[in-house]
C-alpha cells in the first residue's frame, strides 16, 4: 500500500515539470539550428566556389 501511495504522489507531483519542458524545448531549438546550419553551409560553400572561380579569372591592372 505504501508503494501505491508513493506512486500516486509521484504522478501528481509537478515540481520538476518545467525543467523537463525547458530541456525538451532547448533540444528542439538546438536540433533545428543544426539542421538550418547544415542546409545553409552547402549553399555558402557553392557560392564561395563560384566567387573564387570568377575572381581567379579577373586581371589585375598594373597602372591606372
PDB file of N, CA and C in Angstrom:
ATOM      1  N   UNK A   1       0.823  -1.195   0.000  1.00  0.00           N
ATOM      2  CA  UNK A   1       0.000   0.000   0.000  1.00  0.00           C
ATOM      3  C   UNK A   1       0.868   1.260   0.000  1.00  0.00           C
ATOM      4  N   UNK A   2       1.972   1.187   0.719  1.00  0.00           N
ATOM      5  CA  UNK A   2       2.860   2.338   0.791  1.00  0.00           C
ATOM      6  C   UNK A   2       3.446   2.657  -0.592  1.00  0.00           C
ATOM      7  N   UNK A   3       3.759   1.626  -1.354  1.00  0.00           N
ATOM      8  CA  UNK A   3       4.292   1.817  -2.700  1.00  0.00           C
ATOM      9  C   UNK A   3       3.257   2.468  -3.603  1.00  0.00           C
ATOM     10  N   UNK A   4       2.009   2.081  -3.474  1.00  0.00           N
ATOM     11  CA  UNK A   4       0.931   2.662  -4.278  1.00  0.00           C
ATOM     12  C   UNK A   4       0.748   4.137  -3.947  1.00  0.00           C
ATOM     13  N   UNK A   5       0.774   4.487  -2.662  1.00  0.00           N
ATOM     14  CA  UNK A   5       0.660   5.892  -2.267  1.00  0.00           C
ATOM     15  C   UNK A   5       1.829   6.710  -2.816  1.00  0.00           C
ATOM     16  N   UNK A   6       3.011   6.129  -2.737  1.00  0.00           N
ATOM     17  CA  UNK A   6       4.198   6.819  -3.242  1.00  0.00           C
ATOM     18  C   UNK A   6       4.111   7.027  -4.753  1.00  0.00           C
ATOM     19  N   UNK A   7       3.622   6.036  -5.476  1.00  0.00           N
ATOM     20  CA  UNK A   7       3.480   6.152  -6.926  1.00  0.00           C
ATOM     21  C   UNK A   7       2.435   7.202  -7.291  1.00  0.00           C
ATOM     22  N   UNK A   8       1.334   7.249  -6.573  1.00  0.00           N
ATOM     23  CA  UNK A   8       0.299   8.250  -6.841  1.00  0.00           C
ATOM     24  C   UNK A   8       0.800   9.657  -6.533  1.00  0.00           C
ATOM     25  N   UNK A   9       1.559   9.790  -5.453  1.00  0.00           N
ATOM     26  CA  UNK A   9       2.116  11.098  -5.106  1.00  0.00           C
ATOM     27  C   UNK A   9       3.104  11.559  -6.182  1.00  0.00           C
ATOM     28  N   UNK A  10       3.930  10.650  -6.675  1.00  0.00           N
ATOM     29  CA  UNK A  10       4.893  10.977  -7.717  1.00  0.00           C
ATOM     30  C   UNK A  10       4.185  11.379  -9.006  1.00  0.00           C
ATOM     31  N   UNK A  11       3.075  10.714  -9.304  1.00  0.00           N
ATOM     32  CA  UNK A  11       2.315  11.003 -10.521  1.00  0.00           C
ATOM     33  C   UNK A  11       1.730  12.413 -10.497  1.00  0.00           C
ATOM     34  N   UNK A  12       1.282  12.863  -9.349  1.00  0.00           N
ATOM     35  CA  UNK A  12       0.640  14.179  -9.251  1.00  0.00           C
ATOM     36  C   UNK A  12       1.626  15.306  -8.951  1.00  0.00           C
ATOM     37  N   UNK A  13       2.842  14.969  -8.566  1.00  0.00           N
ATOM     38  CA  UNK A  13       3.841  15.987  -8.251  1.00  0.00           C
ATOM     39  C   UNK A  13       4.364  16.611  -9.545  1.00  0.00           C
ATOM     40  N   UNK A  14       4.306  17.926  -9.652  1.00  0.00           N
ATOM     41  CA  UNK A  14       4.744  18.632 -10.852  1.00  0.00           C
ATOM     42  C   UNK A  14       5.912  19.573 -10.572  1.00  0.00           C
ATOM     43  N   UNK A  15       6.649  19.353  -9.519  1.00  0.00           N
ATOM     44  CA  UNK A  15       7.705  20.288  -9.134  1.00  0.00           C
ATOM     45  C   UNK A  15       8.854  20.341 -10.139  1.00  0.00           C
ATOM     46  N   UNK A  16       9.120  19.276 -10.875  1.00  0.00           N
ATOM     47  CA  UNK A  16      10.207  19.288 -11.846  1.00  0.00           C
ATOM     48  C   UNK A  16       9.734  19.347 -13.280  1.00  0.00           C
ATOM     49  N   UNK A  17       8.447  19.586 -13.484  1.00  0.00           N
ATOM     50  CA  UNK A  17       7.882  19.542 -14.833  1.00  0.00           C
ATOM     51  C   UNK A  17       8.436  20.650 -15.724  1.00  0.00           C
ATOM     52  N   UNK A  18       8.666  21.830 -15.182  1.00  0.00           N
ATOM     53  CA  UNK A  18       9.154  22.936 -16.000  1.00  0.00           C
ATOM     54  C   UNK A  18      10.577  22.667 -16.480  1.00  0.00           C
ATOM     55  N   UNK A  19      11.354  21.955 -15.674  1.00  0.00           N
ATOM     56  CA  UNK A  19      12.704  21.594 -16.087  1.00  0.00           C
ATOM     57  C   UNK A  19      12.668  20.683 -17.305  1.00  0.00           C
ATOM     58  N   UNK A  20      11.772  19.723 -17.289  1.00  0.00           N
ATOM     59  CA  UNK A  20      11.627  18.817 -18.430  1.00  0.00           C
ATOM     60  C   UNK A  20      11.195  19.600 -19.663  1.00  0.00           C
ATOM     61  N   UNK A  21      10.274  20.539 -19.495  1.00  0.00           N
ATOM     62  CA  UNK A  21       9.822  21.362 -20.620  1.00  0.00           C
ATOM     63  C   UNK A  21      10.981  22.147 -21.227  1.00  0.00           C
ATOM     64  N   UNK A  22      11.810  22.747 -20.381  1.00  0.00           N
ATOM     65  CA  UNK A  22      12.935  23.536 -20.879  1.00  0.00           C
ATOM     66  C   UNK A  22      13.967  22.662 -21.575  1.00  0.00           C
ATOM     67  N   UNK A  23      14.196  21.474 -21.060  1.00  0.00           N
ATOM     68  CA  UNK A  23      15.155  20.564 -21.696  1.00  0.00           C
ATOM     69  C   UNK A  23      14.659  20.169 -23.082  1.00  0.00           C
ATOM     70  N   UNK A  24      13.385  19.835 -23.196  1.00  0.00           N
ATOM     71  CA  UNK A  24      12.817  19.450 -24.491  1.00  0.00           C
ATOM     72  C   UNK A  24      12.837  20.635 -25.449  1.00  0.00           C
ATOM     73  N   UNK A  25      12.456  21.808 -24.983  1.00  0.00           N
ATOM     74  CA  UNK A  25      12.449  23.000 -25.821  1.00  0.00           C
ATOM     75  C   UNK A  25      13.863  23.353 -26.295  1.00  0.00           C
ATOM     76  N   UNK A  26      14.826  23.294 -25.409  1.00  0.00           N
ATOM     77  CA  UNK A  26      16.208  23.595 -25.772  1.00  0.00           C
ATOM     78  C   UNK A  26      16.756  22.579 -26.772  1.00  0.00           C
ATOM     79  N   UNK A  27      16.443  21.318 -26.580  1.00  0.00           N
ATOM     80  CA  UNK A  27      16.891  20.286 -27.521  1.00  0.00           C
ATOM     81  C   UNK A  27      16.284  20.509 -28.900  1.00  0.00           C
ATOM     82  N   UNK A  28      15.026  20.911 -28.953  1.00  0.00           N
ATOM     83  CA  UNK A  28      14.379  21.177 -30.239  1.00  0.00           C
ATOM     84  C   UNK A  28      15.022  22.371 -30.939  1.00  0.00           C
ATOM     85  N   UNK A  29      15.314  23.420 -30.199  1.00  0.00           N
ATOM     86  CA  UNK A  29      15.931  24.613 -30.787  1.00  0.00           C
ATOM     87  C   UNK A  29      17.337  24.299 -31.291  1.00  0.00           C
ATOM     88  N   UNK A  30      18.110  23.559 -30.522  1.00  0.00           N
ATOM     89  CA  UNK A  30      19.465  23.196 -30.943  1.00  0.00           C
ATOM     90  C   UNK A  30      19.420  22.307 -32.185  1.00  0.00           C
ATOM     91  N   UNK A  31      18.507  21.348 -32.205  1.00  0.00           N
ATOM     92  CA  UNK A  31      18.382  20.464 -33.374  1.00  0.00           C
ATOM     93  C   UNK A  31      17.991  21.243 -34.616  1.00  0.00           C
ATOM     94  N   UNK A  32      17.051  22.156 -34.478  1.00  0.00           N
ATOM     95  CA  UNK A  32      16.631  22.975 -35.610  1.00  0.00           C
ATOM     96  C   UNK A  32      17.775  23.869 -36.086  1.00  0.00           C
ATOM     97  N   UNK A  33      18.533  24.416 -35.163  1.00  0.00           N
ATOM     98  CA  UNK A  33      19.676  25.261 -35.532  1.00  0.00           C
ATOM     99  C   UNK A  33      20.728  24.475 -36.300  1.00  0.00           C
ATOM    100  N   UNK A  34      20.998  23.266 -35.872  1.00  0.00           N
ATOM    101  CA  UNK A  34      21.977  22.431 -36.573  1.00  0.00           C
ATOM    102  C   UNK A  34      21.485  22.092 -37.971  1.00  0.00           C
ATOM    103  N   UNK A  35      20.193  21.795 -38.110  1.00  0.00           N
ATOM    104  CA  UNK A  35      19.637  21.479 -39.427  1.00  0.00           C
ATOM    105  C   UNK A  35      19.716  22.680 -40.361  1.00  0.00           C
ATOM    106  N   UNK A  36      19.418  23.864 -39.854  1.00  0.00           N
ATOM    107  CA  UNK A  36      19.487  25.076 -40.677  1.00  0.00           C
ATOM    108  C   UNK A  36      20.934  25.365 -41.071  1.00  0.00           C
ATOM    109  N   UNK A  37      21.854  25.215 -40.142  1.00  0.00           N
ATOM    110  CA  UNK A  37      23.266  25.458 -40.456  1.00  0.00           C
ATOM    111  C   UNK A  37      23.768  24.482 -41.514  1.00  0.00           C
ATOM    112  N   UNK A  38      23.347  23.240 -41.452  1.00  0.00           N
ATOM    113  CA  UNK A  38      23.769  22.253 -42.452  1.00  0.00           C
ATOM    114  C   UNK A  38      23.220  22.611 -43.824  1.00  0.00           C
ATOM    115  N   UNK A  39      21.975  23.086 -43.870  1.00  0.00           N
ATOM    116  CA  UNK A  39      21.365  23.454 -45.150  1.00  0.00           C
ATOM    117  C   UNK A  39      22.023  24.703 -45.736  1.00  0.00           C
ATOM    118  N   UNK A  40      22.322  25.668 -44.908  1.00  0.00           N
ATOM    119  CA  UNK A  40      22.911  26.920 -45.375  1.00  0.00           C
ATOM    120  C   UNK A  40      24.384  26.725 -45.744  1.00  0.00           C
ATOM    121  N   UNK A  41      25.081  25.851 -45.048  1.00  0.00           N
ATOM    122  CA  UNK A  41      26.511  25.653 -45.294  1.00  0.00           C
ATOM    123  C   UNK A  41      26.779  25.190 -46.717  1.00  0.00           C
ATOM    124  N   UNK A  42      25.934  24.328 -47.249  1.00  0.00           N
ATOM    125  CA  UNK A  42      26.125  23.843 -48.618  1.00  0.00           C
ATOM    126  C   UNK A  42      25.998  24.986 -49.610  1.00  0.00           C
ATOM    127  N   UNK A  43      24.998  25.824 -49.445  1.00  0.00           N
ATOM    128  CA  UNK A  43      24.813  26.962 -50.337  1.00  0.00           C
ATOM    129  C   UNK A  43      25.943  27.963 -50.247  1.00  0.00           C
ATOM    130  N   UNK A  44      26.420  28.218 -49.052  1.00  0.00           N
ATOM    131  CA  UNK A  44      27.522  29.161 -48.867  1.00  0.00           C
ATOM    132  C   UNK A  44      28.800  28.612 -49.491  1.00  0.00           C
ATOM    133  N   UNK A  45      29.032  27.323 -49.349  1.00  0.00           N
ATOM    134  CA  UNK A  45      30.224  26.723 -49.955  1.00  0.00           C
ATOM    135  C   UNK A  45      30.157  26.809 -51.478  1.00  0.00           C
ATOM    136  N   UNK A  46      29.003  26.533 -52.056  1.00  0.00           N
ATOM    137  CA  UNK A  46      28.855  26.646 -53.510  1.00  0.00           C
ATOM    138  C   UNK A  46      29.062  28.084 -53.973  1.00  0.00           C
ATOM    139  N   UNK A  47      28.513  29.034 -53.243  1.00  0.00           N
ATOM    140  CA  UNK A  47      28.670  30.441 -53.589  1.00  0.00           C
ATOM    141  C   UNK A  47      30.131  30.868 -53.503  1.00  0.00           C
ATOM    142  N   UNK A  48      30.832  30.426 -52.483  1.00  0.00           N
ATOM    143  CA  UNK A  48      32.245  30.801 -52.355  1.00  0.00           C
ATOM    144  C   UNK A  48      33.084  30.183 -53.469  1.00  0.00           C
ATOM    145  N   UNK A  49      32.751  28.982 -53.891  1.00  0.00           N
ATOM    146  CA  UNK A  49      33.477  28.370 -55.013  1.00  0.00           C
ATOM    147  C   UNK A  49      33.217  29.133 -56.310  1.00  0.00           C
ATOM    148  N   UNK A  50      31.975  29.548 -56.541  1.00  0.00           N
ATOM    149  CA  UNK A  50      31.658  30.341 -57.734  1.00  0.00           C
ATOM    150  C   UNK A  50      32.384  31.681 -57.712  1.00  0.00           C
ATOM    151  N   UNK A  51      32.426  32.310 -56.556  1.00  0.00           N
ATOM    152  CA  UNK A  51      33.119  33.588 -56.411  1.00  0.00           C
ATOM    153  C   UNK A  51      34.619  33.421 -56.649  1.00  0.00           C
ATOM    154  N   UNK A  52      35.194  32.356 -56.137  1.00  0.00           N
ATOM    155  CA  UNK A  52      36.614  32.077 -56.351  1.00  0.00           C
ATOM    156  C   UNK A  52      36.908  31.880 -57.836  1.00  0.00           C
ATOM    157  N   UNK A  53      36.051  31.151 -58.511  1.00  0.00           N
ATOM    158  CA  UNK A  53      36.239  30.927 -59.947  1.00  0.00           C
ATOM    159  C   UNK A  53      36.161  32.241 -60.710  1.00  0.00           C
ATOM    160  N   UNK A  54      35.205  33.075 -60.364  1.00  0.00           N
ATOM    161  CA  UNK A  54      35.041  34.357 -61.050  1.00  0.00           C
ATOM    162  C   UNK A  54      36.224  35.291 -60.789  1.00  0.00           C
ATOM    163  N   UNK A  55      36.635  35.382 -59.544  1.00  0.00           N
ATOM    164  CA  UNK A  55      37.730  36.296 -59.202  1.00  0.00           C
ATOM    165  C   UNK A  55      39.075  35.797 -59.717  1.00  0.00           C
ATOM    166  N   UNK A  56      39.245  34.505 -59.858  1.00  0.00           N
ATOM    167  CA  UNK A  56      40.502  33.962 -60.388  1.00  0.00           C
ATOM    168  C   UNK A  56      40.701  34.352 -61.844  1.00  0.00           C
ATOM    169  N   UNK A  57      39.619  34.559 -62.572  1.00  0.00           N
ATOM    170  CA  UNK A  57      39.710  34.926 -63.977  1.00  0.00           C
ATOM    171  C   UNK A  57      39.894  36.408 -64.208  1.00  0.00           C
ATOM    172  N   UNK A  58      39.831  37.216 -63.175  1.00  0.00           N
ATOM    173  CA  UNK A  58      39.972  38.664 -63.313  1.00  0.00           C
ATOM    174  C   UNK A  58      41.447  39.049 -63.353  1.00  0.00           C
ATOM    175  N   UNK A  59      41.749  40.019 -64.197  1.00  0.00           N
ATOM    176  CA  UNK A  59      43.118  40.519 -64.274  1.00  0.00           C
ATOM    177  C   UNK A  59      43.324  41.675 -63.312  1.00  0.00           C
ATOM    178  N   UNK A  60      44.554  41.902 -62.956  1.00  0.00           N
ATOM    179  CA  UNK A  60      44.902  42.999 -62.063  1.00  0.00           C
ATOM    180  C   UNK A  60      45.619  44.059 -62.894  1.00  0.00           C
ATOM    181  N   UNK A  61      45.098  45.292 -62.857  1.00  0.00           N
ATOM    182  CA  UNK A  61      45.715  46.387 -63.615  1.00  0.00           C
ATOM    183  C   UNK A  61      46.977  46.853 -62.896  1.00  0.00           C
ATOM    184  N   UNK A  62      48.083  46.922 -63.632  1.00  0.00           N
ATOM    185  CA  UNK A  62      49.347  47.353 -63.038  1.00  0.00           C
ATOM    186  C   UNK A  62      49.432  48.877 -62.957  1.00  0.00           C
ATOM    187  N   UNK A  63      48.727  49.582 -63.848  1.00  0.00           N
ATOM    188  CA  UNK A  63      48.740  51.047 -63.848  1.00  0.00           C
ATOM    189  C   UNK A  63      47.309  51.554 -63.927  1.00  0.00           C
ATOM    190  N   UNK A  64      47.155  52.819 -63.598  1.00  0.00           N
ATOM    191  CA  UNK A  64      45.828  53.427 -63.659  1.00  0.00           C
ATOM    192  C   UNK A  64      45.602  54.045 -64.990  1.00  0.00           C
TER     193      UNK A  64
END
